[in-house]
N, C-alpha and C. Protein backbone atom coordinates (compact mmCIF):
# COMPACT_ATOMS: atom_id res chain seq x y z
N MET A 1 -2.83 -0.43 26.37
CA MET A 1 -3.80 0.32 27.15
C MET A 1 -4.99 -0.62 27.45
N ASP A 2 -5.44 -0.62 28.68
CA ASP A 2 -6.53 -1.53 29.03
C ASP A 2 -7.87 -0.97 28.59
N ILE A 3 -8.84 -1.85 28.41
CA ILE A 3 -10.13 -1.47 27.84
C ILE A 3 -10.89 -0.49 28.76
N ASP A 4 -10.75 -0.63 30.07
CA ASP A 4 -11.42 0.32 30.96
C ASP A 4 -10.95 1.76 30.73
N THR A 5 -9.67 1.93 30.52
CA THR A 5 -9.14 3.27 30.25
C THR A 5 -9.66 3.80 28.92
N VAL A 6 -9.67 2.92 27.92
CA VAL A 6 -10.21 3.33 26.59
C VAL A 6 -11.64 3.81 26.71
N ILE A 7 -12.46 3.04 27.38
CA ILE A 7 -13.89 3.37 27.54
C ILE A 7 -14.01 4.70 28.32
N ASP A 8 -13.30 4.80 29.43
CA ASP A 8 -13.39 5.99 30.29
C ASP A 8 -12.91 7.26 29.58
N ASN A 9 -11.91 7.13 28.71
CA ASN A 9 -11.43 8.29 27.98
C ASN A 9 -12.46 8.84 27.02
N ILE A 10 -13.42 8.05 26.62
CA ILE A 10 -14.50 8.51 25.77
C ILE A 10 -15.58 9.15 26.61
N TYR A 11 -16.04 8.43 27.66
CA TYR A 11 -17.13 8.90 28.51
C TYR A 11 -17.21 7.95 29.70
N LYS A 12 -17.26 8.50 30.90
CA LYS A 12 -17.37 7.65 32.10
C LYS A 12 -18.75 7.02 32.17
N LEU A 13 -18.78 5.72 32.26
CA LEU A 13 -20.03 4.99 32.35
C LEU A 13 -20.27 4.48 33.77
N PRO A 14 -21.53 4.38 34.18
CA PRO A 14 -21.81 3.66 35.43
C PRO A 14 -21.27 2.24 35.30
N GLU A 15 -20.89 1.65 36.39
CA GLU A 15 -20.24 0.33 36.36
C GLU A 15 -21.09 -0.75 35.63
N ASN A 16 -22.39 -0.79 35.89
CA ASN A 16 -23.24 -1.79 35.24
C ASN A 16 -23.25 -1.60 33.72
N SER A 17 -23.28 -0.38 33.27
CA SER A 17 -23.26 -0.09 31.82
C SER A 17 -21.93 -0.50 31.24
N LYS A 18 -20.84 -0.20 31.94
CA LYS A 18 -19.51 -0.58 31.46
C LYS A 18 -19.38 -2.08 31.35
N ILE A 19 -19.90 -2.80 32.32
CA ILE A 19 -19.88 -4.26 32.28
C ILE A 19 -20.65 -4.79 31.07
N SER A 20 -21.83 -4.21 30.83
CA SER A 20 -22.63 -4.59 29.66
C SER A 20 -21.88 -4.35 28.36
N LEU A 21 -21.23 -3.20 28.24
CA LEU A 21 -20.47 -2.89 27.04
C LEU A 21 -19.30 -3.86 26.85
N LYS A 22 -18.58 -4.10 27.93
CA LYS A 22 -17.39 -4.94 27.87
C LYS A 22 -17.72 -6.39 27.53
N ARG A 23 -18.94 -6.83 27.79
CA ARG A 23 -19.32 -8.21 27.42
C ARG A 23 -19.26 -8.43 25.90
N HIS A 24 -19.33 -7.36 25.16
CA HIS A 24 -19.37 -7.44 23.72
C HIS A 24 -18.02 -7.10 23.06
N ILE A 25 -17.03 -6.87 23.88
CA ILE A 25 -15.72 -6.51 23.36
C ILE A 25 -14.77 -7.72 23.51
N THR A 26 -14.10 -8.03 22.42
CA THR A 26 -13.14 -9.16 22.43
C THR A 26 -11.77 -8.63 22.05
N GLU A 27 -10.76 -9.35 22.44
CA GLU A 27 -9.40 -9.00 22.06
C GLU A 27 -9.00 -9.81 20.83
N VAL A 28 -8.34 -9.16 19.89
CA VAL A 28 -7.85 -9.80 18.68
C VAL A 28 -6.43 -9.35 18.42
N ASN A 29 -5.65 -10.19 17.76
CA ASN A 29 -4.27 -9.87 17.45
C ASN A 29 -4.06 -10.07 15.95
N PHE A 30 -3.33 -9.18 15.33
CA PHE A 30 -3.00 -9.28 13.92
C PHE A 30 -1.54 -8.91 13.70
N SER A 31 -0.98 -9.44 12.63
CA SER A 31 0.43 -9.18 12.32
C SER A 31 0.58 -7.87 11.56
N LYS A 32 1.80 -7.37 11.64
CA LYS A 32 2.17 -6.19 10.84
C LYS A 32 1.79 -6.40 9.38
N SER A 33 1.32 -5.35 8.73
CA SER A 33 0.91 -5.31 7.32
C SER A 33 -0.46 -5.87 7.08
N HIS A 34 -1.15 -6.39 8.11
CA HIS A 34 -2.53 -6.85 7.96
C HIS A 34 -3.42 -5.68 7.58
N CYS A 35 -4.30 -5.89 6.60
CA CYS A 35 -5.26 -4.85 6.23
C CYS A 35 -6.52 -5.05 7.10
N LEU A 36 -6.66 -4.18 8.07
CA LEU A 36 -7.77 -4.28 9.01
C LEU A 36 -9.10 -3.89 8.39
N MET A 37 -9.05 -2.90 7.53
CA MET A 37 -10.24 -2.40 6.84
C MET A 37 -9.90 -2.13 5.40
N GLU A 38 -10.81 -2.52 4.50
CA GLU A 38 -10.57 -2.30 3.07
C GLU A 38 -11.60 -1.27 2.55
N ALA A 39 -11.11 -0.45 1.68
CA ALA A 39 -11.99 0.56 1.03
C ALA A 39 -13.08 -0.19 0.21
N HIS A 40 -14.22 0.42 0.10
CA HIS A 40 -15.34 -0.08 -0.71
C HIS A 40 -15.99 -1.31 -0.07
N LYS A 41 -15.79 -1.51 1.21
CA LYS A 41 -16.43 -2.61 1.93
C LYS A 41 -17.09 -2.03 3.20
N ILE A 42 -18.23 -2.61 3.55
CA ILE A 42 -18.85 -2.25 4.81
C ILE A 42 -18.09 -2.94 5.94
N ILE A 43 -17.67 -2.18 6.92
CA ILE A 43 -16.91 -2.71 8.04
C ILE A 43 -17.83 -2.76 9.25
N PRO A 44 -18.19 -3.95 9.71
CA PRO A 44 -19.17 -4.06 10.79
C PRO A 44 -18.57 -4.04 12.21
N TYR A 45 -17.36 -3.53 12.32
CA TYR A 45 -16.67 -3.49 13.62
C TYR A 45 -16.03 -2.13 13.88
N ILE A 46 -15.88 -1.88 15.17
CA ILE A 46 -15.07 -0.78 15.65
C ILE A 46 -13.91 -1.45 16.42
N TYR A 47 -12.74 -0.94 16.24
CA TYR A 47 -11.57 -1.44 16.97
C TYR A 47 -11.01 -0.32 17.82
N PHE A 48 -10.37 -0.72 18.93
CA PHE A 48 -9.62 0.20 19.75
C PHE A 48 -8.25 -0.40 19.91
N ILE A 49 -7.20 0.40 19.79
CA ILE A 49 -5.85 -0.12 19.81
C ILE A 49 -5.36 -0.30 21.24
N LYS A 50 -5.11 -1.52 21.56
CA LYS A 50 -4.49 -1.86 22.86
C LYS A 50 -2.99 -1.66 22.77
N LYS A 51 -2.38 -2.20 21.72
CA LYS A 51 -0.95 -2.02 21.47
C LYS A 51 -0.72 -2.11 19.97
N GLY A 52 -0.01 -1.12 19.45
CA GLY A 52 0.27 -1.12 18.01
C GLY A 52 0.04 0.24 17.40
N ILE A 53 0.21 0.26 16.09
CA ILE A 53 -0.02 1.50 15.35
C ILE A 53 -0.57 1.14 13.97
N VAL A 54 -1.47 2.00 13.48
CA VAL A 54 -2.11 1.78 12.19
C VAL A 54 -2.06 3.05 11.36
N ARG A 55 -2.26 2.89 10.07
CA ARG A 55 -2.41 4.05 9.24
C ARG A 55 -3.66 3.87 8.36
N ALA A 56 -4.30 4.98 8.10
CA ALA A 56 -5.42 5.01 7.16
C ALA A 56 -4.94 5.70 5.89
N TYR A 57 -5.31 5.10 4.77
CA TYR A 57 -4.87 5.66 3.49
C TYR A 57 -5.91 5.38 2.41
N SER A 58 -5.81 6.16 1.38
CA SER A 58 -6.60 5.96 0.15
C SER A 58 -5.61 5.73 -0.97
N SER A 59 -6.01 4.92 -1.91
CA SER A 59 -5.13 4.60 -3.04
C SER A 59 -5.52 5.38 -4.29
N THR A 60 -4.54 5.83 -5.05
CA THR A 60 -4.73 6.37 -6.36
C THR A 60 -4.04 5.46 -7.33
N GLU A 61 -4.09 5.75 -8.60
CA GLU A 61 -3.40 4.93 -9.59
C GLU A 61 -1.89 4.90 -9.31
N ASP A 62 -1.38 6.05 -8.85
CA ASP A 62 0.07 6.16 -8.70
C ASP A 62 0.61 5.78 -7.35
N ASN A 63 -0.17 6.05 -6.28
CA ASN A 63 0.39 5.77 -4.94
C ASN A 63 -0.74 5.73 -3.88
N ASP A 64 -0.28 5.44 -2.66
CA ASP A 64 -1.18 5.48 -1.49
C ASP A 64 -0.98 6.80 -0.78
N ILE A 65 -2.08 7.42 -0.35
CA ILE A 65 -1.97 8.68 0.35
C ILE A 65 -2.44 8.45 1.82
N THR A 66 -1.50 8.56 2.74
CA THR A 66 -1.81 8.37 4.16
C THR A 66 -2.44 9.65 4.68
N PHE A 67 -3.55 9.48 5.42
CA PHE A 67 -4.18 10.66 5.97
C PHE A 67 -4.43 10.60 7.48
N TRP A 68 -4.06 9.47 8.12
CA TRP A 68 -4.28 9.35 9.56
C TRP A 68 -3.39 8.24 10.11
N PHE A 69 -2.91 8.45 11.33
CA PHE A 69 -2.22 7.41 12.09
C PHE A 69 -2.96 7.23 13.40
N GLY A 70 -3.08 6.00 13.84
CA GLY A 70 -3.68 5.70 15.14
C GLY A 70 -2.74 4.88 15.96
N SER A 71 -2.75 5.11 17.27
CA SER A 71 -1.89 4.37 18.16
C SER A 71 -2.68 4.03 19.44
N GLU A 72 -1.98 3.54 20.44
CA GLU A 72 -2.60 3.01 21.65
C GLU A 72 -3.73 3.94 22.18
N GLY A 73 -4.86 3.31 22.45
CA GLY A 73 -6.01 4.02 23.04
C GLY A 73 -6.95 4.61 22.02
N GLU A 74 -6.56 4.66 20.75
CA GLU A 74 -7.40 5.30 19.73
C GLU A 74 -8.34 4.30 19.06
N ALA A 75 -9.45 4.84 18.58
CA ALA A 75 -10.42 4.04 17.85
C ALA A 75 -9.98 3.91 16.41
N VAL A 76 -10.29 2.77 15.82
CA VAL A 76 -10.10 2.53 14.41
C VAL A 76 -11.48 2.20 13.85
N ILE A 77 -11.97 3.07 12.98
CA ILE A 77 -13.34 2.97 12.56
C ILE A 77 -13.51 3.52 11.14
N SER A 78 -14.40 2.89 10.42
CA SER A 78 -14.88 3.46 9.16
C SER A 78 -16.20 4.18 9.50
N MET A 79 -16.15 5.49 9.60
CA MET A 79 -17.32 6.23 10.04
C MET A 79 -18.49 6.04 9.07
N LYS A 80 -18.20 5.93 7.80
CA LYS A 80 -19.30 5.72 6.82
C LYS A 80 -20.01 4.40 7.10
N SER A 81 -19.27 3.36 7.40
CA SER A 81 -19.87 2.06 7.76
C SER A 81 -20.61 2.17 9.08
N TYR A 82 -20.01 2.86 10.06
CA TYR A 82 -20.59 2.97 11.38
C TYR A 82 -21.90 3.74 11.36
N VAL A 83 -21.91 4.86 10.66
CA VAL A 83 -23.09 5.73 10.70
C VAL A 83 -24.16 5.32 9.67
N GLU A 84 -23.73 4.93 8.47
CA GLU A 84 -24.69 4.73 7.41
C GLU A 84 -24.76 3.32 6.86
N ASP A 85 -24.00 2.39 7.43
CA ASP A 85 -23.94 1.02 6.90
C ASP A 85 -23.61 1.00 5.42
N GLN A 86 -22.67 1.87 5.04
CA GLN A 86 -22.25 1.93 3.65
C GLN A 86 -20.75 1.66 3.59
N PRO A 87 -20.28 1.23 2.42
CA PRO A 87 -18.84 1.00 2.29
C PRO A 87 -18.03 2.26 2.56
N GLY A 88 -16.92 2.08 3.25
CA GLY A 88 -16.02 3.20 3.52
C GLY A 88 -15.08 3.42 2.37
N TYR A 89 -14.29 4.48 2.47
CA TYR A 89 -13.39 4.86 1.41
C TYR A 89 -11.91 4.62 1.80
N GLU A 90 -11.68 4.22 3.05
CA GLU A 90 -10.31 4.09 3.53
C GLU A 90 -9.85 2.65 3.63
N ASN A 91 -8.55 2.49 3.52
CA ASN A 91 -7.88 1.24 3.86
C ASN A 91 -7.17 1.50 5.18
N ILE A 92 -7.15 0.54 6.06
CA ILE A 92 -6.43 0.70 7.32
C ILE A 92 -5.50 -0.48 7.48
N GLU A 93 -4.23 -0.17 7.57
CA GLU A 93 -3.17 -1.16 7.61
C GLU A 93 -2.44 -1.09 8.93
N LEU A 94 -2.07 -2.28 9.48
CA LEU A 94 -1.31 -2.30 10.71
C LEU A 94 0.16 -2.09 10.38
N LEU A 95 0.81 -1.18 11.05
CA LEU A 95 2.20 -0.88 10.85
C LEU A 95 3.11 -1.63 11.82
N GLU A 96 2.51 -2.29 12.76
CA GLU A 96 3.21 -3.13 13.73
C GLU A 96 2.31 -4.34 14.04
N ASP A 97 2.88 -5.38 14.60
CA ASP A 97 2.04 -6.46 15.17
C ASP A 97 1.15 -5.73 16.20
N SER A 98 -0.14 -6.03 16.18
CA SER A 98 -1.05 -5.21 17.00
C SER A 98 -2.03 -6.05 17.78
N HIS A 99 -2.34 -5.54 18.98
CA HIS A 99 -3.34 -6.12 19.85
C HIS A 99 -4.51 -5.11 19.88
N LEU A 100 -5.71 -5.57 19.55
CA LEU A 100 -6.85 -4.66 19.42
C LEU A 100 -8.03 -5.15 20.23
N TYR A 101 -8.91 -4.25 20.60
CA TYR A 101 -10.22 -4.58 21.12
C TYR A 101 -11.21 -4.43 19.99
N LYS A 102 -12.10 -5.42 19.83
CA LYS A 102 -13.04 -5.43 18.72
C LYS A 102 -14.47 -5.37 19.27
N LEU A 103 -15.28 -4.54 18.66
CA LEU A 103 -16.68 -4.37 19.06
C LEU A 103 -17.53 -4.39 17.82
N GLU A 104 -18.52 -5.27 17.76
CA GLU A 104 -19.40 -5.35 16.62
C GLU A 104 -20.38 -4.17 16.66
N THR A 105 -20.46 -3.47 15.54
CA THR A 105 -21.30 -2.26 15.47
C THR A 105 -22.77 -2.58 15.78
N GLU A 106 -23.26 -3.69 15.26
CA GLU A 106 -24.67 -4.05 15.47
C GLU A 106 -24.97 -4.29 16.95
N LYS A 107 -24.05 -4.94 17.64
CA LYS A 107 -24.21 -5.16 19.10
C LYS A 107 -24.24 -3.83 19.83
N LEU A 108 -23.36 -2.91 19.42
CA LEU A 108 -23.31 -1.60 20.04
C LEU A 108 -24.63 -0.89 19.83
N ARG A 109 -25.21 -0.95 18.65
CA ARG A 109 -26.49 -0.30 18.40
C ARG A 109 -27.60 -0.91 19.26
N GLU A 110 -27.56 -2.21 19.49
CA GLU A 110 -28.54 -2.83 20.37
C GLU A 110 -28.38 -2.30 21.79
N LEU A 111 -27.12 -2.13 22.23
CA LEU A 111 -26.88 -1.57 23.55
C LEU A 111 -27.37 -0.13 23.66
N PHE A 112 -27.26 0.64 22.57
CA PHE A 112 -27.77 2.00 22.56
C PHE A 112 -29.26 2.02 22.90
N ASP A 113 -30.00 1.06 22.34
CA ASP A 113 -31.44 0.97 22.56
C ASP A 113 -31.79 0.52 23.97
N GLN A 114 -30.88 -0.21 24.61
CA GLN A 114 -31.16 -0.80 25.92
C GLN A 114 -30.68 0.08 27.10
N ASP A 115 -29.70 0.91 26.85
CA ASP A 115 -29.06 1.61 27.98
C ASP A 115 -28.68 3.03 27.58
N ILE A 116 -29.35 4.01 28.17
CA ILE A 116 -29.13 5.41 27.83
C ILE A 116 -27.70 5.84 28.11
N HIS A 117 -27.05 5.24 29.11
CA HIS A 117 -25.67 5.62 29.41
C HIS A 117 -24.73 5.18 28.26
N ILE A 118 -24.99 3.99 27.75
CA ILE A 118 -24.20 3.52 26.60
C ILE A 118 -24.52 4.34 25.36
N ALA A 119 -25.78 4.74 25.20
CA ALA A 119 -26.15 5.61 24.06
C ALA A 119 -25.39 6.94 24.17
N ASN A 120 -25.31 7.50 25.38
CA ASN A 120 -24.54 8.74 25.59
C ASN A 120 -23.05 8.52 25.33
N TRP A 121 -22.54 7.36 25.73
CA TRP A 121 -21.15 7.00 25.45
C TRP A 121 -20.93 7.01 23.91
N GLY A 122 -21.85 6.41 23.19
CA GLY A 122 -21.75 6.38 21.73
C GLY A 122 -21.80 7.77 21.11
N ARG A 123 -22.64 8.63 21.68
CA ARG A 123 -22.70 10.03 21.18
C ARG A 123 -21.38 10.72 21.42
N LYS A 124 -20.83 10.56 22.63
CA LYS A 124 -19.53 11.21 22.92
C LYS A 124 -18.42 10.64 22.02
N PHE A 125 -18.50 9.36 21.76
CA PHE A 125 -17.51 8.71 20.89
C PHE A 125 -17.58 9.35 19.50
N ALA A 126 -18.78 9.47 18.94
CA ALA A 126 -18.93 10.07 17.61
C ALA A 126 -18.51 11.53 17.60
N GLU A 127 -18.80 12.29 18.67
CA GLU A 127 -18.38 13.70 18.77
C GLU A 127 -16.87 13.80 18.76
N LYS A 128 -16.20 12.94 19.52
CA LYS A 128 -14.73 12.99 19.59
C LYS A 128 -14.12 12.65 18.26
N GLU A 129 -14.70 11.69 17.54
CA GLU A 129 -14.18 11.34 16.21
C GLU A 129 -14.39 12.47 15.24
N LEU A 130 -15.52 13.18 15.36
CA LEU A 130 -15.79 14.33 14.51
C LEU A 130 -14.76 15.45 14.75
N ILE A 131 -14.43 15.69 16.00
CA ILE A 131 -13.47 16.72 16.32
C ILE A 131 -12.09 16.35 15.76
N LYS A 132 -11.70 15.08 15.88
CA LYS A 132 -10.43 14.66 15.30
C LYS A 132 -10.39 14.90 13.81
N THR A 133 -11.48 14.59 13.14
CA THR A 133 -11.57 14.80 11.69
C THR A 133 -11.50 16.27 11.34
N GLU A 134 -12.20 17.09 12.10
CA GLU A 134 -12.18 18.53 11.87
C GLU A 134 -10.78 19.08 12.06
N GLU A 135 -10.10 18.67 13.13
CA GLU A 135 -8.73 19.16 13.38
C GLU A 135 -7.77 18.75 12.25
N LEU A 136 -7.94 17.50 11.76
CA LEU A 136 -7.13 17.05 10.65
C LEU A 136 -7.37 17.88 9.38
N PHE A 137 -8.64 18.14 9.10
CA PHE A 137 -9.01 18.93 7.91
C PHE A 137 -8.41 20.35 8.01
N ILE A 138 -8.60 20.97 9.15
CA ILE A 138 -8.10 22.35 9.34
C ILE A 138 -6.55 22.38 9.22
N SER A 139 -5.92 21.40 9.82
CA SER A 139 -4.45 21.30 9.74
C SER A 139 -3.99 21.24 8.30
N ARG A 140 -4.62 20.38 7.51
CA ARG A 140 -4.22 20.22 6.12
C ARG A 140 -4.51 21.43 5.26
N GLN A 141 -5.50 22.20 5.66
CA GLN A 141 -5.87 23.38 4.88
C GLN A 141 -5.02 24.61 5.23
N PHE A 142 -4.63 24.74 6.50
CA PHE A 142 -4.05 25.99 6.92
C PHE A 142 -2.64 25.93 7.47
N LYS A 143 -2.08 24.74 7.58
CA LYS A 143 -0.72 24.62 8.13
C LYS A 143 0.21 24.14 7.02
N THR A 144 1.46 24.59 7.11
CA THR A 144 2.47 24.14 6.18
C THR A 144 2.92 22.73 6.58
N ALA A 145 3.65 22.08 5.68
CA ALA A 145 4.18 20.75 6.00
C ALA A 145 5.11 20.81 7.22
N LEU A 146 5.89 21.89 7.32
CA LEU A 146 6.79 22.07 8.46
C LEU A 146 5.97 22.16 9.76
N GLU A 147 4.90 22.94 9.75
CA GLU A 147 4.07 23.08 10.95
C GLU A 147 3.39 21.74 11.30
N ARG A 148 2.94 21.02 10.31
CA ARG A 148 2.31 19.72 10.56
C ARG A 148 3.33 18.72 11.12
N TYR A 149 4.56 18.78 10.61
CA TYR A 149 5.61 17.89 11.13
C TYR A 149 5.91 18.24 12.57
N GLN A 150 6.01 19.54 12.88
CA GLN A 150 6.23 19.98 14.24
C GLN A 150 5.11 19.51 15.16
N ASP A 151 3.85 19.52 14.64
CA ASP A 151 2.72 18.98 15.42
C ASP A 151 2.94 17.51 15.77
N ILE A 152 3.45 16.72 14.81
CA ILE A 152 3.72 15.33 15.09
C ILE A 152 4.76 15.21 16.19
N LEU A 153 5.82 16.00 16.07
CA LEU A 153 6.88 15.96 17.08
C LEU A 153 6.36 16.29 18.47
N THR A 154 5.41 17.21 18.55
CA THR A 154 4.85 17.64 19.81
C THR A 154 3.78 16.69 20.34
N GLN A 155 2.85 16.30 19.47
CA GLN A 155 1.68 15.56 19.90
C GLN A 155 1.88 14.03 19.87
N LYS A 156 2.66 13.54 18.91
CA LYS A 156 2.85 12.09 18.78
C LYS A 156 4.32 11.81 18.40
N PRO A 157 5.26 12.13 19.28
CA PRO A 157 6.67 11.96 18.93
C PRO A 157 7.06 10.52 18.62
N ASP A 158 6.34 9.56 19.19
CA ASP A 158 6.70 8.16 18.94
C ASP A 158 6.44 7.74 17.48
N LEU A 159 5.61 8.50 16.74
CA LEU A 159 5.40 8.19 15.31
C LEU A 159 6.71 8.21 14.55
N ILE A 160 7.58 9.13 14.86
CA ILE A 160 8.83 9.26 14.13
C ILE A 160 9.66 8.00 14.26
N ARG A 161 9.63 7.36 15.41
CA ARG A 161 10.38 6.12 15.63
C ARG A 161 9.67 4.90 15.02
N ARG A 162 8.37 4.93 15.00
CA ARG A 162 7.59 3.72 14.70
C ARG A 162 7.05 3.62 13.27
N VAL A 163 7.10 4.73 12.55
CA VAL A 163 6.47 4.76 11.21
C VAL A 163 7.52 5.07 10.16
N GLN A 164 7.43 4.38 9.01
CA GLN A 164 8.34 4.66 7.91
C GLN A 164 8.22 6.12 7.47
N LEU A 165 9.36 6.70 7.12
CA LEU A 165 9.35 8.11 6.71
C LEU A 165 8.50 8.32 5.45
N GLY A 166 8.43 7.32 4.61
CA GLY A 166 7.58 7.45 3.40
C GLY A 166 6.11 7.66 3.75
N HIS A 167 5.64 6.99 4.80
CA HIS A 167 4.25 7.16 5.27
C HIS A 167 4.07 8.57 5.87
N ILE A 168 5.08 9.02 6.62
CA ILE A 168 4.97 10.33 7.22
C ILE A 168 4.98 11.41 6.14
N ALA A 169 5.85 11.27 5.14
CA ALA A 169 5.88 12.21 4.02
C ALA A 169 4.53 12.25 3.31
N SER A 170 3.95 11.09 3.07
CA SER A 170 2.64 11.00 2.43
C SER A 170 1.59 11.73 3.26
N TYR A 171 1.62 11.50 4.58
CA TYR A 171 0.69 12.16 5.50
C TYR A 171 0.82 13.68 5.43
N LEU A 172 2.06 14.14 5.29
CA LEU A 172 2.32 15.59 5.23
C LEU A 172 2.05 16.17 3.84
N GLY A 173 1.85 15.28 2.85
CA GLY A 173 1.60 15.74 1.49
C GLY A 173 2.84 16.21 0.76
N ILE A 174 3.99 15.62 1.12
CA ILE A 174 5.26 16.04 0.54
C ILE A 174 6.05 14.79 0.14
N THR A 175 7.15 14.99 -0.56
CA THR A 175 8.03 13.87 -0.90
C THR A 175 8.96 13.55 0.27
N GLN A 176 9.61 12.39 0.20
CA GLN A 176 10.58 12.04 1.23
C GLN A 176 11.78 12.99 1.20
N VAL A 177 12.13 13.48 0.05
CA VAL A 177 13.24 14.44 -0.05
C VAL A 177 12.88 15.72 0.70
N SER A 178 11.65 16.21 0.50
CA SER A 178 11.22 17.42 1.23
C SER A 178 11.16 17.17 2.74
N LEU A 179 10.72 15.98 3.11
CA LEU A 179 10.70 15.64 4.52
C LEU A 179 12.13 15.65 5.09
N SER A 180 13.08 15.12 4.38
CA SER A 180 14.48 15.13 4.81
C SER A 180 14.97 16.58 5.00
N ARG A 181 14.56 17.46 4.12
CA ARG A 181 14.95 18.88 4.27
C ARG A 181 14.35 19.47 5.55
N ILE A 182 13.10 19.17 5.81
CA ILE A 182 12.41 19.67 6.99
C ILE A 182 13.12 19.12 8.25
N ARG A 183 13.44 17.86 8.23
CA ARG A 183 14.10 17.27 9.39
C ARG A 183 15.47 17.89 9.63
N ALA A 184 16.20 18.18 8.55
CA ALA A 184 17.52 18.81 8.68
C ALA A 184 17.37 20.23 9.20
N GLU A 185 16.33 20.92 8.75
CA GLU A 185 16.09 22.32 9.16
C GLU A 185 15.79 22.38 10.67
N ILE A 186 15.09 21.40 11.17
CA ILE A 186 14.69 21.41 12.58
C ILE A 186 15.88 21.10 13.49
N LYS A 187 16.81 20.26 13.02
CA LYS A 187 17.94 19.86 13.87
C LYS A 187 18.87 20.94 14.15
């Protein structure tokens, strides 16, 4: 996905503002399994996925618990680092070789002070991320694993092809055996 589409999907900017924002965005490439963000560290960047897929997870003594997948066009961000300059709680791992757009948070804040349109873009960006978090929270509280799996099939069917079933089971809060049962039930 090209950077203009990514920016426009958040909020349409006047052309001069978009040019100013794009001056601070670079393309980076990382290999599969690269840890893009580590828990307990301040992450001074926002990434947008040009090509690839990532997962966010937290680690316990026994295992990793996946709570989010991101793919083309989506932002990859530690909100705690972005909003409060504090260490985040998530690890973000690339599940494929990935091409990303990288934006330094401090440069973005400077642009907020210089350009009201970019400041509004940043507000819309934060609002959209908040809605995604709210939807994820509500889904985990009120939907069964079967319903959440059906949501994946409907909203992000490519995840099933691109992500290990163990990560999907973790995301759903179930074992791989239970996921196999759900998959058999749906067929």
